[in-house]
Amino acid sequence: VCKLTTNQSGIGTTMEKCLCCNAISIAAAK
């Protein structure tokens, strides 16, 4: 799940174009 990205390069970043990465969302849920 943390590897999923909306970046067309396929490389995930902490802040993507319109949302933060999934890892941050999962961490917040804790």
Full PDB file with SEQRES, HELIX, SHEET, SSBOND, CRYST1, ORIGX, SCALE, CONECT and MASTER records, all heavy atoms in Angstrom:
SEQRES   1 A   30  VAL CYS LYS LEU THR THR ASN GLN SER GLY ILE GLY THR          
SEQRES   2 A   30  THR MET GLU LYS CYS LEU CYS CYS ASN ALA ILE SER ILE          
SEQRES   3 A   30  ALA ALA ALA LYS                                              
HELIX    1 AA1 ASN A   22  ALA A   29  1                                   8    
CRYST1    1.000    1.000    1.000  90.00  90.00  90.00 P 1           1          
ORIGX1      1.000000  0.000000  0.000000        0.00000                         
ORIGX2      0.000000  1.000000  0.000000        0.00000                         
ORIGX3      0.000000  0.000000  1.000000        0.00000                         
SCALE1      1.000000  0.000000  0.000000        0.00000                         
SCALE2      0.000000  1.000000  0.000000        0.00000                         
SCALE3      0.000000  0.000000  1.000000        0.00000                         
ATOM      1  N   VAL A   1       0.844  -1.202   0.000  1.00  0.00           N  
ATOM      2  CA  VAL A   1       0.000   0.000   0.000  1.00  0.00           C  
ATOM      3  C   VAL A   1       0.879   1.252   0.000  1.00  0.00           C  
ATOM      4  O   VAL A   1       0.595   2.221  -0.709  1.00  0.00           O  
ATOM      5  CB  VAL A   1      -0.973  -0.003   1.197  1.00  0.00           C  
ATOM      6  CG1 VAL A   1      -1.659   1.358   1.351  1.00  0.00           C  
ATOM      7  CG2 VAL A   1      -2.011  -1.107   1.048  1.00  0.00           C  
ATOM      8  N   CYS A   2       1.968   1.223   0.764  1.00  0.00           N  
ATOM      9  CA  CYS A   2       2.860   2.382   0.835  1.00  0.00           C  
ATOM     10  C   CYS A   2       3.593   2.621  -0.490  1.00  0.00           C  
ATOM     11  O   CYS A   2       4.022   3.739  -0.759  1.00  0.00           O  
ATOM     12  CB  CYS A   2       3.858   2.228   1.974  1.00  0.00           C  
ATOM     13  SG  CYS A   2       3.082   2.405   3.602  1.00  0.00           S  
ATOM     14  N   LYS A   3       3.726   1.611  -1.316  1.00  0.00           N  
ATOM     15  CA  LYS A   3       4.391   1.762  -2.622  1.00  0.00           C  
ATOM     16  C   LYS A   3       3.481   2.374  -3.679  1.00  0.00           C  
ATOM     17  O   LYS A   3       3.965   2.858  -4.697  1.00  0.00           O  
ATOM     18  CB  LYS A   3       4.871   0.401  -3.127  1.00  0.00           C  
ATOM     19  CG  LYS A   3       6.045  -0.157  -2.375  1.00  0.00           C  
ATOM     20  CD  LYS A   3       6.495  -1.436  -3.084  1.00  0.00           C  
ATOM     21  CE  LYS A   3       6.967  -2.470  -2.137  1.00  0.00           C  
ATOM     22  NZ  LYS A   3       7.262  -3.756  -2.781  1.00  0.00           N  
ATOM     23  N   LEU A   4       2.180   2.350  -3.451  1.00  0.00           N  
ATOM     24  CA  LEU A   4       1.252   2.937  -4.425  1.00  0.00           C  
ATOM     25  C   LEU A   4       1.545   4.421  -4.565  1.00  0.00           C  
ATOM     26  O   LEU A   4       1.879   5.095  -3.599  1.00  0.00           O  
ATOM     27  CB  LEU A   4      -0.197   2.749  -3.969  1.00  0.00           C  
ATOM     28  CG  LEU A   4      -0.722   1.321  -3.860  1.00  0.00           C  
ATOM     29  CD1 LEU A   4      -2.112   1.330  -3.235  1.00  0.00           C  
ATOM     30  CD2 LEU A   4      -0.745   0.636  -5.209  1.00  0.00           C  
ATOM     31  N   THR A   5       1.399   4.928  -5.785  1.00  0.00           N  
ATOM     32  CA  THR A   5       1.662   6.352  -6.025  1.00  0.00           C  
ATOM     33  C   THR A   5       0.787   6.870  -7.167  1.00  0.00           C  
ATOM     34  O   THR A   5       0.410   6.113  -8.062  1.00  0.00           O  
ATOM     35  CB  THR A   5       3.153   6.598  -6.344  1.00  0.00           C  
ATOM     36  OG1 THR A   5       3.353   8.008  -6.525  1.00  0.00           O  
ATOM     37  CG2 THR A   5       3.604   5.861  -7.585  1.00  0.00           C  
ATOM     38  N   THR A   6       0.513   8.149  -7.122  1.00  0.00           N  
ATOM     39  CA  THR A   6      -0.174   8.794  -8.240  1.00  0.00           C  
ATOM     40  C   THR A   6       0.827   9.440  -9.186  1.00  0.00           C  
ATOM     41  O   THR A   6       0.457   9.930 -10.245  1.00  0.00           O  
ATOM     42  CB  THR A   6      -1.166   9.870  -7.741  1.00  0.00           C  
ATOM     43  OG1 THR A   6      -0.460  10.824  -6.950  1.00  0.00           O  
ATOM     44  CG2 THR A   6      -2.284   9.244  -6.926  1.00  0.00           C  
ATOM     45  N   ASN A   7       2.095   9.444  -8.805  1.00  0.00           N  
ATOM     46  CA  ASN A   7       3.142  10.024  -9.654  1.00  0.00           C  
ATOM     47  C   ASN A   7       3.328   9.183 -10.912  1.00  0.00           C  
ATOM     48  O   ASN A   7       3.526   7.974 -10.830  1.00  0.00           O  
ATOM     49  CB  ASN A   7       4.470  10.114  -8.906  1.00  0.00           C  
ATOM     50  CG  ASN A   7       4.433  11.115  -7.774  1.00  0.00           C  
ATOM     51  OD1 ASN A   7       3.657  12.060  -7.801  1.00  0.00           O  
ATOM     52  ND2 ASN A   7       5.253  10.902  -6.766  1.00  0.00           N  
ATOM     53  N   GLN A   8       3.296   9.829 -12.053  1.00  0.00           N  
ATOM     54  CA  GLN A   8       3.433   9.125 -13.327  1.00  0.00           C  
ATOM     55  C   GLN A   8       4.792   8.444 -13.489  1.00  0.00           C  
ATOM     56  O   GLN A   8       4.939   7.513 -14.261  1.00  0.00           O  
ATOM     57  CB  GLN A   8       3.177  10.077 -14.491  1.00  0.00           C  
ATOM     58  CG  GLN A   8       1.751  10.602 -14.536  1.00  0.00           C  
ATOM     59  CD  GLN A   8       0.706   9.502 -14.625  1.00  0.00           C  
ATOM     60  OE1 GLN A   8       0.785   8.622 -15.469  1.00  0.00           O  
ATOM     61  NE2 GLN A   8      -0.269   9.523 -13.726  1.00  0.00           N  
ATOM     62  N   SER A   9       5.775   8.878 -12.735  1.00  0.00           N  
ATOM     63  CA  SER A   9       7.101   8.258 -12.784  1.00  0.00           C  
ATOM     64  C   SER A   9       7.116   6.903 -12.085  1.00  0.00           C  
ATOM     65  O   SER A   9       8.026   6.106 -12.292  1.00  0.00           O  
ATOM     66  CB  SER A   9       8.130   9.167 -12.111  1.00  0.00           C  
ATOM     67  OG  SER A   9       7.863   9.255 -10.715  1.00  0.00           O  
ATOM     68  N   GLY A  10       6.097   6.665 -11.256  1.00  0.00           N  
ATOM     69  CA  GLY A  10       6.046   5.432 -10.481  1.00  0.00           C  
ATOM     70  C   GLY A  10       6.852   5.503  -9.194  1.00  0.00           C  
ATOM     71  O   GLY A  10       6.898   4.549  -8.436  1.00  0.00           O  
ATOM     72  N   ILE A  11       7.483   6.635  -8.958  1.00  0.00           N  
ATOM     73  CA  ILE A  11       8.293   6.828  -7.748  1.00  0.00           C  
ATOM     74  C   ILE A  11       7.486   7.638  -6.750  1.00  0.00           C  
ATOM     75  O   ILE A  11       7.120   8.785  -7.011  1.00  0.00           O  
ATOM     76  CB  ILE A  11       9.619   7.540  -8.082  1.00  0.00           C  
ATOM     77  CG1 ILE A  11      10.422   6.702  -9.078  1.00  0.00           C  
ATOM     78  CG2 ILE A  11      10.419   7.804  -6.813  1.00  0.00           C  
ATOM     79  CD1 ILE A  11      11.607   7.415  -9.678  1.00  0.00           C  
ATOM     80  N   GLY A  12       7.198   7.034  -5.611  1.00  0.00           N  
ATOM     81  CA  GLY A  12       6.425   7.717  -4.585  1.00  0.00           C  
ATOM     82  C   GLY A  12       7.229   8.820  -3.914  1.00  0.00           C  
ATOM     83  O   GLY A  12       8.449   8.743  -3.811  1.00  0.00           O  
ATOM     84  N   THR A  13       6.539   9.853  -3.507  1.00  0.00           N  
ATOM     85  CA  THR A  13       7.147  10.958  -2.774  1.00  0.00           C  
ATOM     86  C   THR A  13       6.271  11.270  -1.561  1.00  0.00           C  
ATOM     87  O   THR A  13       5.101  10.890  -1.521  1.00  0.00           O  
ATOM     88  CB  THR A  13       7.266  12.213  -3.663  1.00  0.00           C  
ATOM     89  OG1 THR A  13       5.974  12.518  -4.212  1.00  0.00           O  
ATOM     90  CG2 THR A  13       8.245  12.007  -4.798  1.00  0.00           C  
ATOM     91  N   THR A  14       6.831  11.948  -0.588  1.00  0.00           N  
ATOM     92  CA  THR A  14       6.077  12.266   0.620  1.00  0.00           C  
ATOM     93  C   THR A  14       4.827  13.073   0.290  1.00  0.00           C  
ATOM     94  O   THR A  14       3.745  12.768   0.747  1.00  0.00           O  
ATOM     95  CB  THR A  14       6.951  13.046   1.620  1.00  0.00           C  
ATOM     96  OG1 THR A  14       8.120  12.272   1.872  1.00  0.00           O  
ATOM     97  CG2 THR A  14       6.223  13.287   2.919  1.00  0.00           C  
ATOM     98  N   MET A  15       4.991  14.105  -0.500  1.00  0.00           N  
ATOM     99  CA  MET A  15       3.855  14.913  -0.935  1.00  0.00           C  
ATOM    100  C   MET A  15       3.728  14.766  -2.443  1.00  0.00           C  
ATOM    101  O   MET A  15       4.604  15.192  -3.187  1.00  0.00           O  
ATOM    102  CB  MET A  15       4.042  16.384  -0.559  1.00  0.00           C  
ATOM    103  CG  MET A  15       4.036  16.634   0.940  1.00  0.00           C  
ATOM    104  SD  MET A  15       2.562  16.050   1.813  1.00  0.00           S  
ATOM    105  CE  MET A  15       1.301  17.084   1.124  1.00  0.00           C  
ATOM    106  N   GLU A  16       2.645  14.139  -2.870  1.00  0.00           N  
ATOM    107  CA  GLU A  16       2.411  13.974  -4.290  1.00  0.00           C  
ATOM    108  C   GLU A  16       1.643  15.184  -4.796  1.00  0.00           C  
ATOM    109  O   GLU A  16       1.390  16.112  -4.044  1.00  0.00           O  
ATOM    110  CB  GLU A  16       1.696  12.645  -4.531  1.00  0.00           C  
ATOM    111  CG  GLU A  16       2.578  11.486  -4.068  1.00  0.00           C  
ATOM    112  CD  GLU A  16       2.120  10.111  -4.501  1.00  0.00           C  
ATOM    113  OE1 GLU A  16       1.126  10.013  -5.235  1.00  0.00           O  
ATOM    114  OE2 GLU A  16       2.781   9.143  -4.119  1.00  0.00           O  
ATOM    115  N   LYS A  17       1.274  15.167  -6.043  1.00  0.00           N  
ATOM    116  CA  LYS A  17       0.664  16.349  -6.654  1.00  0.00           C  
ATOM    117  C   LYS A  17      -0.528  16.889  -5.854  1.00  0.00           C  
ATOM    118  O   LYS A  17      -0.601  18.071  -5.571  1.00  0.00           O  
ATOM    119  CB  LYS A  17       0.237  16.038  -8.087  1.00  0.00           C  
ATOM    120  CG  LYS A  17      -0.324  17.222  -8.814  1.00  0.00           C  
ATOM    121  CD  LYS A  17      -0.672  16.883 -10.247  1.00  0.00           C  
ATOM    122  CE  LYS A  17      -1.296  18.076 -10.938  1.00  0.00           C  
ATOM    123  NZ  LYS A  17      -1.744  17.748 -12.281  1.00  0.00           N  
ATOM    124  N   CYS A  18      -1.461  16.025  -5.502  1.00  0.00           N  
ATOM    125  CA  CYS A  18      -2.680  16.497  -4.843  1.00  0.00           C  
ATOM    126  C   CYS A  18      -2.959  15.857  -3.485  1.00  0.00           C  
ATOM    127  O   CYS A  18      -3.997  16.100  -2.902  1.00  0.00           O  
ATOM    128  CB  CYS A  18      -3.875  16.258  -5.764  1.00  0.00           C  
ATOM    129  SG  CYS A  18      -3.820  17.214  -7.297  1.00  0.00           S  
ATOM    130  N   LEU A  19      -2.047  15.029  -2.988  1.00  0.00           N  
ATOM    131  CA  LEU A  19      -2.268  14.397  -1.698  1.00  0.00           C  
ATOM    132  C   LEU A  19      -0.946  13.928  -1.123  1.00  0.00           C  
ATOM    133  O   LEU A  19       0.054  13.841  -1.827  1.00  0.00           O  
ATOM    134  CB  LEU A  19      -3.251  13.222  -1.805  1.00  0.00           C  
ATOM    135  CG  LEU A  19      -2.849  12.042  -2.682  1.00  0.00           C  
ATOM    136  CD1 LEU A  19      -3.424  10.767  -2.090  1.00  0.00           C  
ATOM    137  CD2 LEU A  19      -3.405  12.217  -4.081  1.00  0.00           C  
ATOM    138  N   CYS A  20      -0.961  13.633   0.160  1.00  0.00           N  
ATOM    139  CA  CYS A  20       0.261  13.109   0.778  1.00  0.00           C  
ATOM    140  C   CYS A  20       0.355  11.606   0.494  1.00  0.00           C  
ATOM    141  O   CYS A  20      -0.606  10.987   0.080  1.00  0.00           O  
ATOM    142  CB  CYS A  20       0.293  13.392   2.271  1.00  0.00           C  
ATOM    143  SG  CYS A  20      -0.929  12.513   3.231  1.00  0.00           S  
ATOM    144  N   CYS A  21       1.521  11.051   0.735  1.00  0.00           N  
ATOM    145  CA  CYS A  21       1.715   9.630   0.454  1.00  0.00           C  
ATOM    146  C   CYS A  21       0.899   8.771   1.429  1.00  0.00           C  
ATOM    147  O   CYS A  21       0.502   9.223   2.501  1.00  0.00           O  
ATOM    148  CB  CYS A  21       3.191   9.268   0.501  1.00  0.00           C  
ATOM    149  SG  CYS A  21       3.898   9.257   2.155  1.00  0.00           S  
ATOM    150  N   ASN A  22       0.680   7.542   1.044  1.00  0.00           N  
ATOM    151  CA  ASN A  22      -0.129   6.633   1.851  1.00  0.00           C  
ATOM    152  C   ASN A  22       0.497   6.348   3.210  1.00  0.00           C  
ATOM    153  O   ASN A  22      -0.215   6.149   4.196  1.00  0.00           O  
ATOM    154  CB  ASN A  22      -0.369   5.330   1.087  1.00  0.00           C  
ATOM    155  CG  ASN A  22      -1.171   5.581  -0.176  1.00  0.00           C  
ATOM    156  OD1 ASN A  22      -1.824   6.598  -0.319  1.00  0.00           O  
ATOM    157  ND2 ASN A  22      -1.107   4.645  -1.100  1.00  0.00           N  
ATOM    158  N   ALA A  23       1.825   6.313   3.274  1.00  0.00           N  
ATOM    159  CA  ALA A  23       2.498   6.028   4.543  1.00  0.00           C  
ATOM    160  C   ALA A  23       2.134   7.069   5.603  1.00  0.00           C  
ATOM    161  O   ALA A  23       1.916   6.725   6.771  1.00  0.00           O  
ATOM    162  CB  ALA A  23       4.012   5.970   4.345  1.00  0.00           C  
ATOM    163  N   ILE A  24       2.051   8.323   5.205  1.00  0.00           N  
ATOM    164  CA  ILE A  24       1.671   9.378   6.158  1.00  0.00           C  
ATOM    165  C   ILE A  24       0.231   9.180   6.622  1.00  0.00           C  
ATOM    166  O   ILE A  24      -0.078   9.316   7.806  1.00  0.00           O  
ATOM    167  CB  ILE A  24       1.887  10.776   5.551  1.00  0.00           C  
ATOM    168  CG1 ILE A  24       3.383  11.044   5.404  1.00  0.00           C  
ATOM    169  CG2 ILE A  24       1.207  11.857   6.388  1.00  0.00           C  
ATOM    170  CD1 ILE A  24       3.736  12.333   4.714  1.00  0.00           C  
ATOM    171  N   SER A  25      -0.642   8.826   5.710  1.00  0.00           N  
ATOM    172  CA  SER A  25      -2.048   8.585   6.080  1.00  0.00           C  
ATOM    173  C   SER A  25      -2.168   7.411   7.037  1.00  0.00           C  
ATOM    174  O   SER A  25      -2.943   7.460   8.002  1.00  0.00           O  
ATOM    175  CB  SER A  25      -2.883   8.318   4.827  1.00  0.00           C  
ATOM    176  OG  SER A  25      -2.871   9.440   3.975  1.00  0.00           O  
ATOM    177  N   ILE A  26      -1.419   6.349   6.794  1.00  0.00           N  
ATOM    178  CA  ILE A  26      -1.456   5.173   7.669  1.00  0.00           C  
ATOM    179  C   ILE A  26      -0.894   5.528   9.044  1.00  0.00           C  
ATOM    180  O   ILE A  26      -1.454   5.136  10.075  1.00  0.00           O  
ATOM    181  CB  ILE A  26      -0.686   4.000   7.034  1.00  0.00           C  
ATOM    182  CG1 ILE A  26      -1.416   3.532   5.770  1.00  0.00           C  
ATOM    183  CG2 ILE A  26      -0.516   2.854   8.022  1.00  0.00           C  
ATOM    184  CD1 ILE A  26      -0.596   2.616   4.882  1.00  0.00           C  
ATOM    185  N   ALA A  27       0.193   6.293   9.062  1.00  0.00           N  
ATOM    186  CA  ALA A  27       0.776   6.718  10.335  1.00  0.00           C  
ATOM    187  C   ALA A  27      -0.211   7.584  11.117  1.00  0.00           C  
ATOM    188  O   ALA A  27      -0.378   7.408  12.330  1.00  0.00           O  
ATOM    189  CB  ALA A  27       2.080   7.476  10.099  1.00  0.00           C  
ATOM    190  N   ALA A  28      -0.886   8.503  10.451  1.00  0.00           N  
ATOM    191  CA  ALA A  28      -1.862   9.362  11.125  1.00  0.00           C  
ATOM    192  C   ALA A  28      -2.979   8.541  11.749  1.00  0.00           C  
ATOM    193  O   ALA A  28      -3.454   8.848  12.849  1.00  0.00           O  
ATOM    194  CB  ALA A  28      -2.431  10.383  10.145  1.00  0.00           C  
ATOM    195  N   ALA A  29      -3.385   7.477  11.059  1.00  0.00           N  
ATOM    196  CA  ALA A  29      -4.471   6.634  11.574  1.00  0.00           C  
ATOM    197  C   ALA A  29      -4.097   5.954  12.888  1.00  0.00           C  
ATOM    198  O   ALA A  29      -4.982   5.627  13.691  1.00  0.00           O  
ATOM    199  CB  ALA A  29      -4.855   5.588  10.531  1.00  0.00           C  
ATOM    200  N   LYS A  30      -2.812   5.774  13.142  1.00  0.00           N  
ATOM    201  CA  LYS A  30      -2.382   5.175  14.410  1.00  0.00           C  
ATOM    202  C   LYS A  30      -2.622   6.117  15.590  1.00  0.00           C  
ATOM    203  O   LYS A  30      -2.739   5.682  16.724  1.00  0.00           O  
ATOM    204  CB  LYS A  30      -0.903   4.779  14.354  1.00  0.00           C  
ATOM    205  CG  LYS A  30      -0.639   3.631  13.422  1.00  0.00           C  
ATOM    206  CD  LYS A  30      -1.361   2.397  13.923  1.00  0.00           C  
ATOM    207  CE  LYS A  30      -1.166   1.218  13.017  1.00  0.00           C  
ATOM    208  NZ  LYS A  30      -1.985   0.084  13.401  1.00  0.00           N  
TER     209      LYS A  30                                                      
MASTER        0    0    0    1    0    0    0    6  208    1    0    3          
END                                                                             
